[in-house]
Structures are given as C-alpha cells and as structure tokens.
C-alpha cells in the first residue's frame, strides 16, 4: 500500500481540532500508542501497541524530506512478522509513546499527536488507491497544508524515532 504523507510541528492543538471540525473531518478516536522501532538494512520497521487493539507491525519505505512524500508500507500481524523476521533476529532500537487523535476526511487520515518528550505534531496521510491516485493525494495533502498553515510549525522530514534519537 502507499500513501502521501506530511508531518509538521503543531503550534495550537485546540485550533487544529476546530479546523478538523470545520473541514467536516470525523473524529475516530484518541488512542495511546507505543511504537517500538527496529533498525533494518532496508526500510523501517515498528511494532505498534495500543490498549485493546491487536499488535501491528508496520514495515515501510520513504524518503526523509520535509515536504509531502510517498510512503510504501505493509501492515503485518504478530504471526506474519514472526514468519518474516523470525523471533530472535530483531533487536529493539527505541520506543516512542504518544497520544494520537485520529480524524478522517475522505481518504485522508489527520493525526494530532502528542509525543512523549518531543512535543505536539500533525500528520496528513492520504491513502493512494484506485479511487485516489498519487497526484490527487498530493493535491489533497497540499490543500490541508494550506488550510492548517497558520498553526503549523516547522515541517518534519523524519520519523518520531529519528527525532527521539537525535538523528
């Protein structure tokens, strides 16, 4: 699967919630997430744990850049991850914990993230599909960047793990 994504520091969480409502985005929920990152020679891997939800393993490739970028990803269950990487070959690198508010606007996920030790961020993730090609997804993300511009801080080109590690 693929999505077009963009991440930025967020200056005003309350204003972001208001803007989501004005856009007609649906609040899906507020979720506590703990992501354990693993270093791989090719791609990135994190194990996501959320209370009351099955564990997800997210394997992805994307460039580190601060403008909208295409990300390719696969979501695996615990059993699928064990089949792919075994049980002893992966060494945890670091853990990032956060509160995530998930909003949906059509095929775009809007994440309002309060990341422990790092601050508050916003992410836009437009899912590429048969109904929405990559070009359209880039335009959707660009529109959201313009809409939220007054409350966006610095664009972020790396993952939360890189920020936490000081990379």
Protein backbone atom coordinates (compact mmCIF):
# COMPACT_ATOMS: atom_id res chain seq x y z
CA UNK A 1 0.00 0.00 0.00
CA UNK A 2 1.04 3.62 -0.46
CA UNK A 3 0.16 7.00 0.93
CA UNK A 4 1.29 10.58 0.53
CA UNK A 5 2.24 11.98 3.89
CA UNK A 6 3.36 15.19 5.50
CA UNK A 7 4.33 15.92 9.12
CA UNK A 8 4.80 19.22 10.92
CA UNK A 9 5.14 20.61 14.40
CA UNK A 10 1.77 21.84 15.63
CA UNK A 11 1.52 25.22 17.37
CA UNK A 12 -2.09 25.00 18.61
CA UNK A 13 -3.78 21.66 19.28
CA UNK A 14 -7.14 23.22 20.13
CA UNK A 15 -7.17 25.23 16.88
CA UNK A 16 -6.28 22.06 14.94
CA UNK A 17 -9.30 20.27 16.44
CA UNK A 18 -11.51 23.21 15.49
CA UNK A 19 -10.13 23.20 11.94
CA UNK A 20 -10.80 19.45 11.63
CA UNK A 21 -14.42 20.04 12.62
CA UNK A 22 -14.76 22.98 10.19
CA UNK A 23 -13.46 20.73 7.38
CA UNK A 24 -16.08 18.12 8.24
CA UNK A 25 -13.48 15.56 9.30
CA UNK A 26 -14.77 12.77 11.53
CA UNK A 27 -13.13 12.17 14.89
CA UNK A 28 -12.35 8.44 15.02
CA UNK A 29 -10.83 8.48 18.48
CA UNK A 30 -7.97 9.25 20.83
CA UNK A 31 -5.51 6.39 21.13
CA UNK A 32 -2.45 5.74 23.29
CA UNK A 33 0.25 4.22 21.07
CA UNK A 34 3.64 2.77 21.86
CA UNK A 35 5.88 2.22 18.83
CA UNK A 36 8.99 0.05 19.20
CA UNK A 37 11.40 0.73 16.33
CA UNK A 38 13.85 -1.77 14.87
CA UNK A 39 16.80 -0.98 12.63
CA UNK A 40 16.81 -2.77 9.31
CA UNK A 41 19.31 -2.56 6.45
CA UNK A 42 16.45 -1.77 4.06
CA UNK A 43 13.32 0.08 5.12
CA UNK A 44 11.90 0.89 8.52
CA UNK A 45 10.03 -1.30 10.96
CA UNK A 46 7.98 -0.52 14.03
CA UNK A 47 5.78 -2.60 16.28
CA UNK A 48 2.72 -0.60 17.35
CA UNK A 49 0.88 -1.44 20.54
CA UNK A 50 -2.38 0.20 21.61
CA UNK A 51 -4.52 -0.90 24.57
CA UNK A 52 -7.40 -3.11 23.46
CA UNK A 53 -6.08 -3.45 19.88
CA UNK A 54 -4.07 -6.22 18.21
CA UNK A 55 -0.35 -5.55 17.80
CA UNK A 56 0.56 -4.20 14.37
CA UNK A 57 3.93 -4.37 12.67
CA UNK A 58 4.42 -1.59 10.14
CA UNK A 59 7.18 -2.05 7.56
CA UNK A 60 7.72 0.99 5.36
CA UNK A 61 9.96 2.82 2.91
CA UNK A 62 10.03 6.57 2.47
CA UNK A 63 12.46 9.40 1.96
CA UNK A 64 13.41 11.73 4.78
CA UNK A 65 12.22 15.08 3.48
CA UNK A 66 10.11 17.84 4.93
CA UNK A 67 7.65 18.19 2.06
CA UNK A 68 4.87 15.74 1.13
CA UNK A 69 6.37 12.36 0.27
CA UNK A 70 5.25 9.00 -0.98
CA UNK A 71 5.46 6.18 1.54
CA UNK A 72 5.10 2.47 0.74
CA UNK A 73 4.02 0.32 3.66
CA UNK A 74 2.81 -3.09 4.74
CA UNK A 75 0.93 -3.80 7.95
CA UNK A 76 1.53 -7.24 9.45
CA UNK A 77 0.15 -9.16 12.42
CA UNK A 78 2.40 -10.63 15.11
CA UNK A 79 2.24 -14.02 13.37
CA UNK A 80 3.09 -12.54 9.96
CA UNK A 81 6.01 -10.56 11.43
CA UNK A 82 7.36 -13.70 13.11
CA UNK A 83 7.21 -15.57 9.80
CA UNK A 84 9.03 -12.74 8.02
CA UNK A 85 11.73 -11.84 10.57
CA UNK A 86 11.82 -14.78 12.99
CA UNK A 87 11.72 -14.50 16.75
CA UNK A 88 15.30 -13.65 17.69
CA UNK A 89 16.72 -11.63 14.80
CA UNK A 90 15.24 -8.25 15.66
CA UNK A 91 16.76 -6.04 18.32
CA UNK A 92 14.62 -3.14 19.54
CA UNK A 93 16.23 0.25 18.86
CA UNK A 94 13.97 2.63 20.79
CA UNK A 95 10.39 3.20 21.89
CA UNK A 96 8.24 6.25 21.14
CA UNK A 97 4.98 6.71 23.05
CA UNK A 98 2.24 9.14 22.12
CA UNK A 99 -1.39 10.09 22.32
CA UNK A 100 -2.87 10.18 18.84
CA UNK A 101 -6.14 11.79 17.90
CA UNK A 102 -7.29 10.31 14.61
CA UNK A 103 -9.54 12.33 12.29
CA UNK A 104 -10.70 11.20 8.83
CA UNK A 105 -11.54 13.39 5.85
CA UNK A 106 -12.37 11.21 2.84
CA UNK A 107 -9.25 9.06 2.28
CA UNK A 108 -7.01 11.30 4.43
CA UNK A 109 -6.02 10.49 7.98
CA UNK A 110 -5.28 13.57 10.08
CA UNK A 111 -3.19 12.70 13.13
CA UNK A 112 -2.91 15.13 16.04
CA UNK A 113 -0.03 13.64 18.00
CA UNK A 114 1.22 14.47 21.50
CA UNK A 115 4.56 12.64 21.52
CA UNK A 116 6.19 11.98 24.89
CA UNK A 117 9.38 14.04 25.22
CA UNK A 118 9.11 15.56 21.73
CA UNK A 119 6.04 17.80 21.56
CA UNK A 120 2.87 18.16 19.50
CA UNK A 121 2.69 17.32 15.79
CA UNK A 122 0.21 16.97 12.95
CA UNK A 123 0.39 14.42 10.14
CA UNK A 124 -1.63 14.15 6.98
CA UNK A 125 -1.71 10.72 5.30
CA UNK A 126 -3.65 10.42 2.04
CA UNK A 127 -4.14 6.77 1.04
CA UNK A 128 -3.36 6.04 -2.61
CA UNK A 129 -5.98 3.74 -4.14
CA UNK A 130 -7.93 3.06 -7.31
CA UNK A 131 -10.16 5.99 -6.39
CA UNK A 132 -7.33 8.39 -5.45
CA UNK A 133 -4.05 8.32 -7.38
CA UNK A 134 -0.76 9.71 -6.03
CA UNK A 135 -1.19 13.04 -7.83
CA UNK A 136 -4.64 13.58 -6.33
CA UNK A 137 -3.32 12.58 -2.89
CA UNK A 138 -0.51 15.15 -3.18
CA UNK A 139 -3.09 17.82 -4.01
CA UNK A 140 -5.24 16.81 -1.02
CA UNK A 141 -2.26 17.00 1.33
CA UNK A 142 -1.22 20.36 -0.14
CA UNK A 143 -4.75 21.69 0.41
CA UNK A 144 -4.61 20.61 4.06
CA UNK A 145 -1.19 22.21 4.49
CA UNK A 146 -2.62 25.49 3.22
CA UNK A 147 -5.75 25.18 5.37
CA UNK A 148 -3.77 24.48 8.56
CA UNK A 149 -0.88 26.86 7.69
CA UNK A 150 -1.47 29.41 10.49
CA UNK A 151 -0.99 26.76 13.18
CA UNK A 152 1.79 24.68 11.59
CA UNK A 153 5.29 24.92 12.96
CA UNK A 154 8.40 23.56 11.27
CA UNK A 155 7.91 20.79 8.74
CA UNK A 156 9.40 17.48 9.90
CA UNK A 157 11.15 15.22 7.41
CA UNK A 158 11.99 12.30 9.68
CA UNK A 159 10.18 9.74 11.81
CA UNK A 160 9.50 10.21 15.51
CA UNK A 161 12.20 7.61 16.15
CA UNK A 162 14.80 9.78 14.39
CA UNK A 163 13.67 12.83 16.38
CA UNK A 164 13.86 10.88 19.65
CA UNK A 165 17.32 9.55 18.79
CA UNK A 166 18.56 13.00 17.74
CA UNK A 167 19.35 11.77 14.22
